[in-house]
Amino acid sequence: MEPLEDGDGEREEIGVFFCGPKPLGNLIDEQCALLNQSTPDVEFSFHSENF
């Protein structure tokens, strides 16, 4: 993954939206956290909805 450049030196935020079974949501949330540790220029922000 190539870092996103916006010119201001801040992290780019990518929203990850999920609606589905809780165990799968937990897995996606964990993966977002791992990616946030390994990609300093991008922040994956996890959001879950249950209906």
PDB file of N, CA and C in Angstrom:
ATOM      1  N   MET A   1       0.841  -1.169   0.000  1.00  0.00           N
ATOM      2  CA  MET A   1       0.000   0.000   0.000  1.00  0.00           C
ATOM      3  C   MET A   1       0.885   1.231   0.000  1.00  0.00           C
ATOM      4  N   GLU A   2       0.630   2.130  -0.930  1.00  0.00           N
ATOM      5  CA  GLU A   2       1.392   3.372  -0.986  1.00  0.00           C
ATOM      6  C   GLU A   2       0.744   4.407  -0.075  1.00  0.00           C
ATOM      7  N   PRO A   3       1.551   5.190   0.647  1.00  0.00           N
ATOM      8  CA  PRO A   3       0.978   6.226   1.511  1.00  0.00           C
ATOM      9  C   PRO A   3       0.246   7.285   0.698  1.00  0.00           C
ATOM     10  N   LEU A   4      -0.836   7.779   1.269  1.00  0.00           N
ATOM     11  CA  LEU A   4      -1.575   8.865   0.636  1.00  0.00           C
ATOM     12  C   LEU A   4      -0.953  10.185   1.043  1.00  0.00           C
ATOM     13  N   GLU A   5      -0.782  11.076   0.116  1.00  0.00           N
ATOM     14  CA  GLU A   5      -0.197  12.382   0.396  1.00  0.00           C
ATOM     15  C   GLU A   5      -1.268  13.451   0.260  1.00  0.00           C
ATOM     16  N   ASP A   6      -1.478  14.232   1.318  1.00  0.00           N
ATOM     17  CA  ASP A   6      -2.410  15.346   1.217  1.00  0.00           C
ATOM     18  C   ASP A   6      -1.714  16.678   1.432  1.00  0.00           C
ATOM     19  N   GLY A   7      -0.411  16.643   1.690  1.00  0.00           N
ATOM     20  CA  GLY A   7       0.358  17.860   1.781  1.00  0.00           C
ATOM     21  C   GLY A   7       0.426  18.504   3.144  1.00  0.00           C
ATOM     22  N   ASP A   8      -0.425  18.105   4.088  1.00  0.00           N
ATOM     23  CA  ASP A   8      -0.406  18.770   5.390  1.00  0.00           C
ATOM     24  C   ASP A   8       0.281  17.943   6.476  1.00  0.00           C
ATOM     25  N   GLY A   9       0.778  16.771   6.147  1.00  0.00           N
ATOM     26  CA  GLY A   9       1.515  15.955   7.103  1.00  0.00           C
ATOM     27  C   GLY A   9       0.644  15.168   8.064  1.00  0.00           C
ATOM     28  N   GLU A  10      -0.674  15.279   7.956  1.00  0.00           N
ATOM     29  CA  GLU A  10      -1.566  14.539   8.837  1.00  0.00           C
ATOM     30  C   GLU A  10      -1.922  13.199   8.214  1.00  0.00           C
ATOM     31  N   ARG A  11      -2.392  12.280   9.070  1.00  0.00           N
ATOM     32  CA  ARG A  11      -2.812  10.971   8.586  1.00  0.00           C
ATOM     33  C   ARG A  11      -4.107  11.092   7.792  1.00  0.00           C
ATOM     34  N   GLU A  12      -4.192  10.310   6.734  1.00  0.00           N
ATOM     35  CA  GLU A  12      -5.438  10.205   5.981  1.00  0.00           C
ATOM     36  C   GLU A  12      -6.329   9.210   6.707  1.00  0.00           C
ATOM     37  N   GLU A  13      -7.611   9.503   6.811  1.00  0.00           N
ATOM     38  CA  GLU A  13      -8.545   8.610   7.487  1.00  0.00           C
ATOM     39  C   GLU A  13      -9.402   7.892   6.455  1.00  0.00           C
ATOM     40  N   ILE A  14      -9.486   6.574   6.622  1.00  0.00           N
ATOM     41  CA  ILE A  14     -10.339   5.753   5.774  1.00  0.00           C
ATOM     42  C   ILE A  14     -11.374   5.110   6.682  1.00  0.00           C
ATOM     43  N   GLY A  15     -12.637   5.405   6.433  1.00  0.00           N
ATOM     44  CA  GLY A  15     -13.717   4.823   7.223  1.00  0.00           C
ATOM     45  C   GLY A  15     -14.032   3.423   6.736  1.00  0.00           C
ATOM     46  N   VAL A  16     -14.110   2.483   7.670  1.00  0.00           N
ATOM     47  CA  VAL A  16     -14.472   1.104   7.360  1.00  0.00           C
ATOM     48  C   VAL A  16     -15.815   0.850   8.038  1.00  0.00           C
ATOM     49  N   PHE A  17     -16.865   0.700   7.237  1.00  0.00           N
ATOM     50  CA  PHE A  17     -18.211   0.528   7.773  1.00  0.00           C
ATOM     51  C   PHE A  17     -18.636  -0.922   7.595  1.00  0.00           C
ATOM     52  N   PHE A  18     -19.275  -1.477   8.637  1.00  0.00           N
ATOM     53  CA  PHE A  18     -19.611  -2.895   8.643  1.00  0.00           C
ATOM     54  C   PHE A  18     -20.977  -3.100   9.274  1.00  0.00           C
ATOM     55  N   CYS A  19     -21.762  -3.972   8.675  1.00  0.00           N
ATOM     56  CA  CYS A  19     -23.021  -4.420   9.253  1.00  0.00           C
ATOM     57  C   CYS A  19     -23.076  -5.925   9.055  1.00  0.00           C
ATOM     58  N   GLY A  20     -23.069  -6.671  10.149  1.00  0.00           N
ATOM     59  CA  GLY A  20     -23.081  -8.119  10.046  1.00  0.00           C
ATOM     60  C   GLY A  20     -22.844  -8.757  11.395  1.00  0.00           C
ATOM     61  N   PRO A  21     -22.484 -10.038  11.399  1.00  0.00           N
ATOM     62  CA  PRO A  21     -22.301 -10.772  12.649  1.00  0.00           C
ATOM     63  C   PRO A  21     -21.155 -10.205  13.489  1.00  0.00           C
ATOM     64  N   LYS A  22     -21.380 -10.168  14.789  1.00  0.00           N
ATOM     65  CA  LYS A  22     -20.412  -9.575  15.714  1.00  0.00           C
ATOM     66  C   LYS A  22     -19.018 -10.206  15.617  1.00  0.00           C
ATOM     67  N   PRO A  23     -18.886 -11.547  15.537  1.00  0.00           N
ATOM     68  CA  PRO A  23     -17.531 -12.122  15.443  1.00  0.00           C
ATOM     69  C   PRO A  23     -16.751 -11.614  14.226  1.00  0.00           C
ATOM     70  N   LEU A  24     -17.431 -11.447  13.107  1.00  0.00           N
ATOM     71  CA  LEU A  24     -16.755 -10.928  11.916  1.00  0.00           C
ATOM     72  C   LEU A  24     -16.388  -9.460  12.117  1.00  0.00           C
ATOM     73  N   GLY A  25     -17.274  -8.699  12.756  1.00  0.00           N
ATOM     74  CA  GLY A  25     -16.975  -7.303  13.060  1.00  0.00           C
ATOM     75  C   GLY A  25     -15.764  -7.169  13.959  1.00  0.00           C
ATOM     76  N   ASN A  26     -15.658  -8.061  14.942  1.00  0.00           N
ATOM     77  CA  ASN A  26     -14.494  -8.041  15.838  1.00  0.00           C
ATOM     78  C   ASN A  26     -13.207  -8.295  15.065  1.00  0.00           C
ATOM     79  N   LEU A  27     -13.257  -9.227  14.132  1.00  0.00           N
ATOM     80  CA  LEU A  27     -12.077  -9.542  13.319  1.00  0.00           C
ATOM     81  C   LEU A  27     -11.670  -8.344  12.452  1.00  0.00           C
ATOM     82  N   ILE A  28     -12.639  -7.708  11.828  1.00  0.00           N
ATOM     83  CA  ILE A  28     -12.341  -6.539  10.992  1.00  0.00           C
ATOM     84  C   ILE A  28     -11.775  -5.405  11.837  1.00  0.00           C
ATOM     85  N   ASP A  29     -12.344  -5.195  13.024  1.00  0.00           N
ATOM     86  CA  ASP A  29     -11.849  -4.160  13.935  1.00  0.00           C
ATOM     87  C   ASP A  29     -10.394  -4.430  14.323  1.00  0.00           C
ATOM     88  N   GLU A  30     -10.071  -5.687  14.623  1.00  0.00           N
ATOM     89  CA  GLU A  30      -8.691  -6.059  14.974  1.00  0.00           C
ATOM     90  C   GLU A  30      -7.745  -5.799  13.807  1.00  0.00           C
ATOM     91  N   GLN A  31      -8.184  -6.127  12.597  1.00  0.00           N
ATOM     92  CA  GLN A  31      -7.332  -5.916  11.424  1.00  0.00           C
ATOM     93  C   GLN A  31      -7.105  -4.427  11.164  1.00  0.00           C
ATOM     94  N   CYS A  32      -8.127  -3.618  11.390  1.00  0.00           N
ATOM     95  CA  CYS A  32      -7.954  -2.164  11.253  1.00  0.00           C
ATOM     96  C   CYS A  32      -6.910  -1.669  12.245  1.00  0.00           C
ATOM     97  N   ALA A  33      -6.974  -2.170  13.484  1.00  0.00           N
ATOM     98  CA  ALA A  33      -6.004  -1.760  14.503  1.00  0.00           C
ATOM     99  C   ALA A  33      -4.586  -2.171  14.102  1.00  0.00           C
ATOM    100  N   LEU A  34      -4.430  -3.376  13.556  1.00  0.00           N
ATOM    101  CA  LEU A  34      -3.104  -3.826  13.108  1.00  0.00           C
ATOM    102  C   LEU A  34      -2.592  -2.956  11.959  1.00  0.00           C
ATOM    103  N   LEU A  35      -3.467  -2.637  11.027  1.00  0.00           N
ATOM    104  CA  LEU A  35      -3.060  -1.775   9.914  1.00  0.00           C
ATOM    105  C   LEU A  35      -2.677  -0.387  10.407  1.00  0.00           C
ATOM    106  N   ASN A  36      -3.372   0.116  11.417  1.00  0.00           N
ATOM    107  CA  ASN A  36      -3.048   1.437  11.960  1.00  0.00           C
ATOM    108  C   ASN A  36      -1.652   1.463  12.571  1.00  0.00           C
ATOM    109  N   GLN A  37      -1.209   0.332  13.110  1.00  0.00           N
ATOM    110  CA  GLN A  37       0.133   0.259  13.694  1.00  0.00           C
ATOM    111  C   GLN A  37       1.211   0.196  12.618  1.00  0.00           C
ATOM    112  N   SER A  38       0.871  -0.382  11.461  1.00  0.00           N
ATOM    113  CA  SER A  38       1.895  -0.607  10.439  1.00  0.00           C
ATOM    114  C   SER A  38       1.876   0.421   9.306  1.00  0.00           C
ATOM    115  N   THR A  39       0.862   1.278   9.257  1.00  0.00           N
ATOM    116  CA  THR A  39       0.782   2.295   8.206  1.00  0.00           C
ATOM    117  C   THR A  39       0.660   3.673   8.849  1.00  0.00           C
ATOM    118  N   PRO A  40       1.777   4.360   9.032  1.00  0.00           N
ATOM    119  CA  PRO A  40       1.760   5.631   9.771  1.00  0.00           C
ATOM    120  C   PRO A  40       1.033   6.770   9.056  1.00  0.00           C
ATOM    121  N   ASP A  41       0.850   6.682   7.745  1.00  0.00           N
ATOM    122  CA  ASP A  41       0.226   7.781   7.000  1.00  0.00           C
ATOM    123  C   ASP A  41      -1.282   7.627   6.841  1.00  0.00           C
ATOM    124  N   VAL A  42      -1.825   6.446   7.238  1.00  0.00           N
ATOM    125  CA  VAL A  42      -3.238   6.154   7.030  1.00  0.00           C
ATOM    126  C   VAL A  42      -3.839   5.628   8.324  1.00  0.00           C
ATOM    127  N   GLU A  43      -5.051   6.098   8.641  1.00  0.00           N
ATOM    128  CA  GLU A  43      -5.774   5.587   9.805  1.00  0.00           C
ATOM    129  C   GLU A  43      -7.078   4.959   9.331  1.00  0.00           C
ATOM    130  N   PHE A  44      -7.271   3.687   9.671  1.00  0.00           N
ATOM    131  CA  PHE A  44      -8.504   2.988   9.348  1.00  0.00           C
ATOM    132  C   PHE A  44      -9.437   3.116  10.548  1.00  0.00           C
ATOM    133  N   SER A  45     -10.566   3.767  10.334  1.00  0.00           N
ATOM    134  CA  SER A  45     -11.517   4.034  11.406  1.00  0.00           C
ATOM    135  C   SER A  45     -12.709   3.093  11.246  1.00  0.00           C
ATOM    136  N   PHE A  46     -12.836   2.121  12.162  1.00  0.00           N
ATOM    137  CA  PHE A  46     -13.863   1.085  12.069  1.00  0.00           C
ATOM    138  C   PHE A  46     -15.167   1.562  12.694  1.00  0.00           C
ATOM    139  N   HIS A  47     -16.276   1.329  11.981  1.00  0.00           N
ATOM    140  CA  HIS A  47     -17.613   1.674  12.467  1.00  0.00           C
ATOM    141  C   HIS A  47     -18.532   0.489  12.205  1.00  0.00           C
ATOM    142  N   SER A  48     -19.252   0.063  13.235  1.00  0.00           N
ATOM    143  CA  SER A  48     -20.131  -1.090  13.118  1.00  0.00           C
ATOM    144  C   SER A  48     -21.573  -0.677  13.388  1.00  0.00           C
ATOM    145  N   GLU A  49     -22.492  -1.252  12.628  1.00  0.00           N
ATOM    146  CA  GLU A  49     -23.929  -1.038  12.828  1.00  0.00           C
ATOM    147  C   GLU A  49     -24.606  -2.395  12.922  1.00  0.00           C
ATOM    148  N   ASN A  50     -25.514  -2.515  13.855  1.00  0.00           N
ATOM    149  CA  ASN A  50     -26.322  -3.729  13.972  1.00  0.00           C
ATOM    150  C   ASN A  50     -27.790  -3.327  13.977  1.00  0.00           C
ATOM    151  N   PHE A  51     -28.582  -3.988  13.127  1.00  0.00           N
ATOM    152  CA  PHE A  51     -30.007  -3.678  13.045  1.00  0.00           C
ATOM    153  C   PHE A  51     -30.825  -4.830  13.555  1.00  0.00           C
TER     154      PHE A  51
END
